[in-house]
Amino acid sequence: MTERKSDWDALQLRPEDHVATALRAFKKGEMAHVKLAEKTVVQSLNEDIPLCHKLAVMDIPTGTRIKKYGEVIGEAVIDIAAGAHVHVHNIKSLRARTEDQK
C-alpha cells in the first residue's frame, strides 16, 4: 500500500527529536498529522505554525537541549508545551550567538 501525501503534514525525522517540521501552515486549534517512520500521530496545535517551522511534539521544559534531525539545535528558554511553535522566541541557539560577533 502506498502512502498518500495527505496522510501526514508534518515530519519528525528521529524518535528522539523534540520537534517536527510543518509541511504546511497551520492555524491554532488545528491537528497536525506527524509522520515518524512507519507511524503517524496526531498533535493538537495551540499556536499558529508557519510553513517549514518547528512544532513541539512533546512538552519541553526550560533548559532542555532541543533535538531536530537527532542533533541539538538549541535550548528552551521557557517551558514549551506540546503543540507549540518552536522558534527564536522560545529557544536560544547554542551555535550562532550574536554576542560572539561583537
N, C-alpha and C. Protein backbone atom coordinates (compact mmCIF):
# COMPACT_ATOMS: atom_id res chain seq x y z
N MET A 1 0.84 -1.18 0.00
CA MET A 1 0.00 0.00 0.00
C MET A 1 0.89 1.24 0.00
N THR A 2 0.61 2.19 -0.86
CA THR A 2 1.39 3.42 -0.89
C THR A 2 0.73 4.47 -0.01
N GLU A 3 1.55 5.30 0.58
CA GLU A 3 1.06 6.35 1.46
C GLU A 3 0.71 7.58 0.64
N ARG A 4 -0.48 8.12 0.86
CA ARG A 4 -0.87 9.35 0.18
C ARG A 4 -0.22 10.53 0.88
N LYS A 5 0.14 11.55 0.14
CA LYS A 5 0.75 12.75 0.71
C LYS A 5 -0.16 13.36 1.77
N SER A 6 -1.46 13.26 1.61
CA SER A 6 -2.40 13.87 2.54
C SER A 6 -2.49 13.12 3.88
N ASP A 7 -1.84 11.96 3.99
CA ASP A 7 -1.89 11.20 5.24
C ASP A 7 -1.11 11.88 6.37
N TRP A 8 -0.19 12.77 6.05
CA TRP A 8 0.58 13.47 7.07
C TRP A 8 0.99 14.84 6.54
N ASP A 9 1.16 15.79 7.47
CA ASP A 9 1.50 17.16 7.07
C ASP A 9 2.56 17.79 7.95
N ALA A 10 3.25 16.95 8.71
CA ALA A 10 4.42 17.37 9.50
C ALA A 10 5.34 16.15 9.60
N LEU A 11 6.62 16.39 9.78
CA LEU A 11 7.60 15.31 9.74
C LEU A 11 8.55 15.40 10.92
N GLN A 12 8.63 14.32 11.68
CA GLN A 12 9.61 14.15 12.76
C GLN A 12 10.60 13.12 12.25
N LEU A 13 11.87 13.48 12.15
CA LEU A 13 12.83 12.59 11.50
C LEU A 13 13.37 11.49 12.39
N ARG A 14 13.54 11.76 13.67
CA ARG A 14 14.10 10.77 14.58
C ARG A 14 13.23 10.65 15.82
N PRO A 15 13.14 9.47 16.41
CA PRO A 15 12.28 9.30 17.60
C PRO A 15 12.71 10.17 18.77
N GLU A 16 13.99 10.53 18.86
CA GLU A 16 14.47 11.37 19.96
C GLU A 16 14.24 12.87 19.73
N ASP A 17 13.77 13.24 18.54
CA ASP A 17 13.52 14.65 18.24
C ASP A 17 12.37 15.20 19.08
N HIS A 18 12.54 16.41 19.58
CA HIS A 18 11.51 17.11 20.36
C HIS A 18 10.51 17.83 19.45
N VAL A 19 10.89 17.99 18.18
CA VAL A 19 10.10 18.80 17.26
C VAL A 19 9.87 18.06 15.94
N ALA A 20 8.86 18.54 15.22
CA ALA A 20 8.60 18.11 13.85
C ALA A 20 8.57 19.37 12.98
N THR A 21 8.76 19.19 11.68
CA THR A 21 8.71 20.30 10.73
C THR A 21 7.34 20.34 10.07
N ALA A 22 6.74 21.53 10.09
CA ALA A 22 5.42 21.72 9.46
C ALA A 22 5.59 21.76 7.95
N LEU A 23 4.87 20.91 7.25
CA LEU A 23 4.94 20.86 5.79
C LEU A 23 3.83 21.68 5.14
N ARG A 24 3.09 22.40 5.97
CA ARG A 24 2.11 23.39 5.52
C ARG A 24 1.92 24.36 6.68
N ALA A 25 1.31 25.47 6.43
CA ALA A 25 1.00 26.43 7.50
C ALA A 25 -0.20 25.90 8.28
N PHE A 26 -0.14 26.03 9.61
CA PHE A 26 -1.22 25.60 10.49
C PHE A 26 -1.78 26.78 11.26
N LYS A 27 -3.04 26.70 11.60
CA LYS A 27 -3.70 27.68 12.47
C LYS A 27 -3.89 27.04 13.84
N LYS A 28 -3.87 27.88 14.87
CA LYS A 28 -4.13 27.43 16.23
C LYS A 28 -5.42 26.61 16.25
N GLY A 29 -5.39 25.47 16.96
CA GLY A 29 -6.56 24.61 17.07
C GLY A 29 -6.61 23.49 16.05
N GLU A 30 -5.81 23.59 14.99
CA GLU A 30 -5.78 22.51 14.00
C GLU A 30 -5.03 21.30 14.55
N MET A 31 -5.18 20.19 13.87
CA MET A 31 -4.47 18.96 14.21
C MET A 31 -3.41 18.71 13.15
N ALA A 32 -2.19 18.48 13.59
CA ALA A 32 -1.10 18.11 12.67
C ALA A 32 -0.98 16.59 12.69
N HIS A 33 -0.87 16.01 11.52
CA HIS A 33 -0.62 14.57 11.39
C HIS A 33 0.89 14.42 11.18
N VAL A 34 1.57 14.02 12.24
CA VAL A 34 3.03 13.97 12.27
C VAL A 34 3.52 12.57 11.92
N LYS A 35 4.33 12.49 10.87
CA LYS A 35 4.88 11.20 10.44
C LYS A 35 6.23 10.97 11.11
N LEU A 36 6.39 9.79 11.67
CA LEU A 36 7.66 9.32 12.21
C LEU A 36 7.80 7.86 11.81
N ALA A 37 8.76 7.59 10.95
CA ALA A 37 8.99 6.24 10.43
C ALA A 37 7.69 5.69 9.82
N GLU A 38 7.21 4.58 10.32
CA GLU A 38 6.04 3.93 9.75
C GLU A 38 4.73 4.33 10.42
N LYS A 39 4.77 5.26 11.36
CA LYS A 39 3.54 5.63 12.04
C LYS A 39 3.26 7.12 11.88
N THR A 40 2.00 7.46 12.07
CA THR A 40 1.57 8.86 12.06
C THR A 40 0.80 9.11 13.34
N VAL A 41 1.17 10.18 14.06
CA VAL A 41 0.46 10.56 15.28
C VAL A 41 -0.18 11.92 15.06
N VAL A 42 -1.24 12.18 15.80
CA VAL A 42 -1.95 13.45 15.67
C VAL A 42 -1.59 14.34 16.85
N GLN A 43 -1.20 15.57 16.55
CA GLN A 43 -0.82 16.55 17.57
C GLN A 43 -1.72 17.77 17.44
N SER A 44 -2.43 18.11 18.49
CA SER A 44 -3.23 19.33 18.53
C SER A 44 -2.29 20.54 18.66
N LEU A 45 -2.57 21.59 17.90
CA LEU A 45 -1.70 22.77 17.89
C LEU A 45 -2.32 23.90 18.69
N ASN A 46 -1.52 24.48 19.59
CA ASN A 46 -2.02 25.57 20.42
C ASN A 46 -1.52 26.94 19.98
N GLU A 47 -0.89 26.99 18.82
CA GLU A 47 -0.42 28.25 18.23
C GLU A 47 -0.44 28.11 16.70
N ASP A 48 -0.45 29.23 16.00
CA ASP A 48 -0.22 29.20 14.56
C ASP A 48 1.20 28.72 14.33
N ILE A 49 1.41 27.93 13.29
CA ILE A 49 2.74 27.44 12.93
C ILE A 49 2.94 27.70 11.44
N PRO A 50 3.91 28.56 11.10
CA PRO A 50 4.17 28.83 9.68
C PRO A 50 4.77 27.61 8.96
N LEU A 51 4.61 27.59 7.66
CA LEU A 51 5.19 26.57 6.80
C LEU A 51 6.68 26.43 7.08
N CYS A 52 7.14 25.21 7.23
CA CYS A 52 8.55 24.85 7.44
C CYS A 52 9.10 25.22 8.82
N HIS A 53 8.26 25.70 9.71
CA HIS A 53 8.71 25.97 11.08
C HIS A 53 8.53 24.72 11.92
N LYS A 54 9.04 24.78 13.14
CA LYS A 54 9.01 23.62 14.04
C LYS A 54 7.81 23.67 14.97
N LEU A 55 7.28 22.47 15.28
CA LEU A 55 6.23 22.35 16.29
C LEU A 55 6.69 21.32 17.31
N ALA A 56 6.37 21.60 18.57
CA ALA A 56 6.76 20.69 19.65
C ALA A 56 5.87 19.45 19.60
N VAL A 57 6.49 18.28 19.65
CA VAL A 57 5.73 17.03 19.65
C VAL A 57 5.64 16.45 21.06
N MET A 58 6.19 17.17 22.03
CA MET A 58 6.14 16.78 23.44
C MET A 58 6.34 18.04 24.27
N ASP A 59 6.00 17.98 25.55
CA ASP A 59 6.31 19.10 26.44
C ASP A 59 7.82 19.20 26.57
N ILE A 60 8.34 20.43 26.50
CA ILE A 60 9.78 20.67 26.57
C ILE A 60 10.04 21.63 27.73
N PRO A 61 10.60 21.16 28.84
CA PRO A 61 10.87 22.04 29.98
C PRO A 61 12.00 23.03 29.69
N THR A 62 11.97 24.17 30.37
CA THR A 62 13.04 25.16 30.29
C THR A 62 14.39 24.48 30.52
N GLY A 63 15.37 24.84 29.72
CA GLY A 63 16.71 24.29 29.85
C GLY A 63 16.97 23.03 29.05
N THR A 64 15.93 22.44 28.48
CA THR A 64 16.10 21.23 27.67
C THR A 64 16.87 21.56 26.40
N ARG A 65 17.81 20.73 26.07
CA ARG A 65 18.52 20.86 24.79
C ARG A 65 17.64 20.18 23.74
N ILE A 66 17.10 20.99 22.84
CA ILE A 66 16.10 20.54 21.87
C ILE A 66 16.77 19.88 20.68
N LYS A 67 16.23 18.71 20.31
CA LYS A 67 16.77 17.97 19.17
C LYS A 67 15.84 18.02 17.96
N LYS A 68 16.47 18.17 16.80
CA LYS A 68 15.83 18.05 15.49
C LYS A 68 16.86 17.35 14.61
N TYR A 69 16.44 16.42 13.78
CA TYR A 69 17.35 15.61 12.96
C TYR A 69 18.28 14.77 13.84
N GLY A 70 17.91 14.54 15.11
CA GLY A 70 18.77 13.79 16.03
C GLY A 70 19.91 14.62 16.59
N GLU A 71 19.95 15.91 16.27
CA GLU A 71 21.02 16.81 16.72
C GLU A 71 20.44 17.93 17.57
N VAL A 72 21.21 18.41 18.54
CA VAL A 72 20.78 19.53 19.36
C VAL A 72 20.81 20.80 18.51
N ILE A 73 19.67 21.51 18.47
CA ILE A 73 19.58 22.76 17.69
C ILE A 73 19.49 23.99 18.57
N GLY A 74 19.30 23.80 19.87
CA GLY A 74 19.19 24.93 20.78
C GLY A 74 18.67 24.48 22.13
N GLU A 75 18.43 25.47 22.99
CA GLU A 75 17.97 25.20 24.35
C GLU A 75 16.70 25.99 24.63
N ALA A 76 15.73 25.34 25.26
CA ALA A 76 14.48 26.00 25.60
C ALA A 76 14.73 27.07 26.66
N VAL A 77 14.26 28.30 26.40
CA VAL A 77 14.42 29.39 27.37
C VAL A 77 13.18 29.55 28.24
N ILE A 78 12.09 28.88 27.86
CA ILE A 78 10.86 28.83 28.65
C ILE A 78 10.29 27.43 28.48
N ASP A 79 9.33 27.07 29.33
CA ASP A 79 8.62 25.81 29.13
C ASP A 79 7.84 25.90 27.82
N ILE A 80 7.94 24.87 27.00
CA ILE A 80 7.25 24.83 25.71
C ILE A 80 6.29 23.64 25.74
N ALA A 81 5.02 23.91 25.55
CA ALA A 81 4.00 22.85 25.57
C ALA A 81 3.97 22.11 24.23
N ALA A 82 3.62 20.84 24.29
CA ALA A 82 3.39 20.07 23.06
C ALA A 82 2.35 20.81 22.23
N GLY A 83 2.61 20.94 20.93
CA GLY A 83 1.70 21.65 20.04
C GLY A 83 2.04 23.11 19.85
N ALA A 84 3.10 23.59 20.50
CA ALA A 84 3.51 24.99 20.38
C ALA A 84 4.48 25.19 19.20
N HIS A 85 4.55 26.42 18.74
CA HIS A 85 5.51 26.85 17.73
C HIS A 85 6.88 26.94 18.43
N VAL A 86 7.88 26.30 17.87
CA VAL A 86 9.24 26.32 18.43
C VAL A 86 10.11 27.13 17.48
N HIS A 87 10.59 28.26 17.98
CA HIS A 87 11.37 29.17 17.13
C HIS A 87 12.21 30.07 18.03
N VAL A 88 12.76 31.14 17.49
CA VAL A 88 13.68 32.00 18.23
C VAL A 88 13.06 32.69 19.45
N HIS A 89 11.75 32.73 19.54
CA HIS A 89 11.10 33.37 20.68
C HIS A 89 11.11 32.48 21.93
N ASN A 90 11.38 31.17 21.77
CA ASN A 90 11.37 30.30 22.94
C ASN A 90 12.57 29.34 23.01
N ILE A 91 13.50 29.48 22.09
CA ILE A 91 14.76 28.73 22.19
C ILE A 91 15.92 29.66 21.90
N LYS A 92 17.08 29.30 22.43
CA LYS A 92 18.30 30.04 22.08
C LYS A 92 19.24 29.07 21.37
N SER A 93 19.92 29.59 20.39
CA SER A 93 20.87 28.79 19.65
C SER A 93 22.09 28.53 20.52
N LEU A 94 22.65 27.36 20.40
CA LEU A 94 23.90 27.04 21.10
C LEU A 94 25.09 27.13 20.16
N ARG A 95 24.81 27.53 18.92
CA ARG A 95 25.87 27.65 17.92
C ARG A 95 26.04 29.09 17.46
N ALA A 96 25.00 29.66 16.89
CA ALA A 96 25.06 31.03 16.36
C ALA A 96 24.67 32.00 17.47
N ARG A 97 25.61 32.80 17.93
CA ARG A 97 25.36 33.74 19.01
C ARG A 97 25.79 35.14 18.58
N THR A 98 24.87 36.07 18.66
CA THR A 98 25.19 37.43 18.22
C THR A 98 26.24 38.08 19.12
N GLU A 99 26.26 37.73 20.41
CA GLU A 99 27.25 38.36 21.29
C GLU A 99 28.68 37.96 20.93
N ASP A 100 28.85 36.81 20.25
CA ASP A 100 30.17 36.38 19.82
C ASP A 100 30.69 37.22 18.64
N GLN A 101 29.79 37.93 17.96
CA GLN A 101 30.18 38.72 16.79
C GLN A 101 30.60 40.14 17.14
N LYS A 102 30.48 40.54 18.39
CA LYS A 102 30.81 41.92 18.80
C LYS A 102 32.30 42.10 18.96
